[in-house]
Amino acid sequence: MSGPVFLLGAGPGVAERAAAALVRRIPSLRVAGAYAGSPAPTDDEAIRARIQATEARVLLVAYGMPAQERWIARNLPLLPSVRTAIGVGGVFDQLAGRVRLPPRLVHAIGLEWLWRLAFEPRRWRRQRVLPVFAALVARQRIVGR
């Protein structure tokens, strides 16, 4: 990863703990900053100022879908130092140790969402479309392109 990285999102203190975990895993990683912030448009200006002050080149945004994508679309053009912005969903929670990581098999077959749903049943409303999506993908693979 080139240039300093800024971690934005998740709950209070989570981005900071995720940043510390990343640095332990990748000692050469330069973390420019970490901040929970808010995906609300009213907070955009203050968050942009905080990011710009660090001159971060890479921005990881963990507000969940679709809030993180909307935040990036609104703000990336106004962050001249940032070259890459990526929506990372719940990755900060995993790095910070707030949620259990799935076993490798669950990861390998792409069912992390089901694993997380099993441990966080309150997510069912957001995730109820995923089985339908998975079935459509499987049907497409079986029927062909």
Protein backbone atom coordinates (compact mmCIF):
# COMPACT_ATOMS: atom_id res chain seq x y z
CA MET A 1 0.00 0.00 0.00
CA SER A 2 1.56 3.29 -0.99
CA GLY A 3 1.33 6.36 1.17
CA PRO A 4 -0.26 6.94 4.54
CA VAL A 5 -3.63 5.30 5.29
CA PHE A 6 -6.58 6.87 7.10
CA LEU A 7 -9.22 4.67 8.75
CA LEU A 8 -12.67 6.26 8.92
CA GLY A 9 -15.81 4.81 10.45
CA ALA A 10 -17.10 2.08 12.77
CA GLY A 11 -17.96 2.84 16.38
CA PRO A 12 -16.05 5.17 18.72
CA GLY A 13 -12.52 3.87 19.27
CA VAL A 14 -12.90 0.97 16.85
CA ALA A 15 -10.97 2.58 13.97
CA GLU A 16 -8.11 3.37 16.35
CA ARG A 17 -7.99 -0.24 17.62
CA ALA A 18 -8.18 -1.52 14.04
CA ALA A 19 -5.29 0.77 13.07
CA ALA A 20 -3.18 -0.57 15.94
CA ALA A 21 -3.97 -4.15 14.87
CA LEU A 22 -2.98 -3.36 11.28
CA VAL A 23 0.34 -1.86 12.36
CA ARG A 24 1.06 -4.97 14.46
CA ARG A 25 0.41 -7.13 11.38
CA ILE A 26 2.18 -4.83 8.93
CA PRO A 27 4.88 -2.85 10.80
CA SER A 28 5.81 -0.86 7.69
CA LEU A 29 2.23 0.45 7.31
CA ARG A 30 1.96 4.19 7.88
CA VAL A 31 -1.36 5.06 9.52
CA ALA A 32 -2.09 8.75 9.05
CA GLY A 33 -5.11 8.72 11.35
CA ALA A 34 -8.24 6.98 12.52
CA TYR A 35 -11.61 8.45 13.39
CA ALA A 36 -15.15 7.11 13.86
CA GLY A 37 -16.86 10.16 12.40
CA SER A 38 -20.34 9.91 10.97
CA PRO A 39 -21.72 9.24 7.50
CA ALA A 40 -24.12 12.18 7.89
CA PRO A 41 -23.58 14.86 5.21
CA THR A 42 -23.65 17.55 7.91
CA ASP A 43 -20.35 16.14 9.26
CA ASP A 44 -18.57 15.87 5.91
CA GLU A 45 -16.67 19.16 6.04
CA ALA A 46 -15.15 18.53 9.48
CA ILE A 47 -14.18 14.96 8.56
CA ARG A 48 -12.61 16.09 5.27
CA ALA A 49 -10.56 18.69 7.15
CA ARG A 50 -9.32 16.03 9.56
CA ILE A 51 -8.32 13.70 6.70
CA GLN A 52 -6.68 16.48 4.66
CA ALA A 53 -4.59 17.55 7.65
CA THR A 54 -2.95 14.09 7.60
CA GLU A 55 -2.29 14.11 3.83
CA ALA A 56 -3.47 10.49 3.68
CA ARG A 57 -3.22 8.86 0.25
CA VAL A 58 -5.44 5.85 1.02
CA LEU A 59 -8.79 6.09 2.79
CA LEU A 60 -10.59 3.07 4.25
CA VAL A 61 -14.23 3.84 5.08
CA ALA A 62 -16.26 1.55 7.38
CA TYR A 63 -19.77 3.00 7.55
CA GLY A 64 -21.48 -0.08 6.13
CA MET A 65 -23.24 -0.35 2.83
CA PRO A 66 -24.53 1.88 1.24
CA ALA A 67 -23.51 4.71 3.60
CA GLN A 68 -19.78 4.24 3.00
CA GLU A 69 -20.20 4.29 -0.79
CA ARG A 70 -22.33 7.42 -0.58
CA TRP A 71 -19.78 9.09 1.71
CA ILE A 72 -16.94 8.26 -0.69
CA ALA A 73 -18.91 9.51 -3.72
CA ARG A 74 -19.68 12.84 -2.00
CA ASN A 75 -16.26 13.47 -0.51
CA LEU A 76 -13.50 11.84 -2.56
CA PRO A 77 -13.51 14.62 -5.20
CA LEU A 78 -12.92 17.09 -2.35
CA LEU A 79 -9.93 15.20 -0.88
CA PRO A 80 -7.00 16.01 -3.19
CA SER A 81 -4.39 13.99 -1.28
CA VAL A 82 -6.48 10.79 -1.28
CA ARG A 83 -5.72 8.64 -4.32
CA THR A 84 -7.72 5.57 -3.30
CA ALA A 85 -10.85 5.22 -1.15
CA ILE A 86 -12.33 1.84 -0.35
CA GLY A 87 -15.52 0.90 1.50
CA VAL A 88 -14.55 -1.88 3.91
CA GLY A 89 -17.81 -2.62 5.72
CA GLY A 90 -17.24 -4.44 9.01
CA VAL A 91 -13.51 -5.03 8.62
CA PHE A 92 -12.58 -2.58 11.41
CA ASP A 93 -14.83 -4.50 13.83
CA GLN A 94 -13.00 -7.71 12.92
CA LEU A 95 -9.54 -6.15 13.20
CA ALA A 96 -10.43 -4.56 16.55
CA GLY A 97 -11.65 -7.90 17.87
CA ARG A 98 -15.27 -6.77 18.30
CA VAL A 99 -16.64 -9.61 16.15
CA ARG A 100 -15.47 -13.18 15.75
CA LEU A 101 -13.64 -14.02 12.57
CA PRO A 102 -15.17 -16.82 10.53
CA PRO A 103 -13.30 -20.08 10.06
CA ARG A 104 -11.23 -20.30 6.87
CA LEU A 105 -13.77 -22.63 5.25
CA VAL A 106 -16.58 -20.11 5.75
CA HIS A 107 -14.36 -17.42 4.22
CA ALA A 108 -13.29 -19.68 1.33
CA ILE A 109 -16.87 -20.38 0.27
CA GLY A 110 -17.91 -16.72 0.60
CA LEU A 111 -20.37 -17.07 3.47
CA GLU A 112 -18.91 -14.48 5.86
CA TRP A 113 -22.26 -12.69 5.76
CA LEU A 114 -24.01 -15.82 7.09
CA TRP A 115 -21.39 -16.24 9.81
CA ARG A 116 -21.85 -12.65 10.93
CA LEU A 117 -25.63 -12.99 10.84
CA ALA A 118 -25.41 -16.03 13.13
CA PHE A 119 -23.57 -13.97 15.75
CA GLU A 120 -25.44 -10.70 15.15
CA PRO A 121 -29.08 -11.63 14.44
CA ARG A 122 -30.12 -7.96 14.58
CA ARG A 123 -28.58 -7.68 11.08
CA TRP A 124 -31.29 -9.88 9.50
CA ARG A 125 -33.18 -7.00 7.89
CA ARG A 126 -30.10 -5.73 6.09
CA GLN A 127 -29.03 -9.20 5.04
CA ARG A 128 -32.37 -10.74 4.03
CA VAL A 129 -31.64 -10.18 0.33
CA LEU A 130 -28.29 -12.00 0.41
CA PRO A 131 -29.73 -15.55 0.13
CA VAL A 132 -31.73 -14.42 -2.90
CA PHE A 133 -28.60 -12.93 -4.42
CA ALA A 134 -26.62 -16.11 -3.70
CA ALA A 135 -29.35 -18.22 -5.34
CA LEU A 136 -29.35 -16.00 -8.43
CA VAL A 137 -25.55 -16.27 -8.73
CA ALA A 138 -25.69 -20.06 -8.33
CA ARG A 139 -28.45 -20.29 -10.96
CA GLN A 140 -26.42 -18.16 -13.36
CA ARG A 141 -23.40 -20.42 -12.92
CA ILE A 142 -25.44 -23.57 -13.44
CA VAL A 143 -27.47 -22.31 -16.41
CA GLY A 144 -24.50 -20.58 -17.98
CA ARG A 145 -23.80 -17.13 -19.20
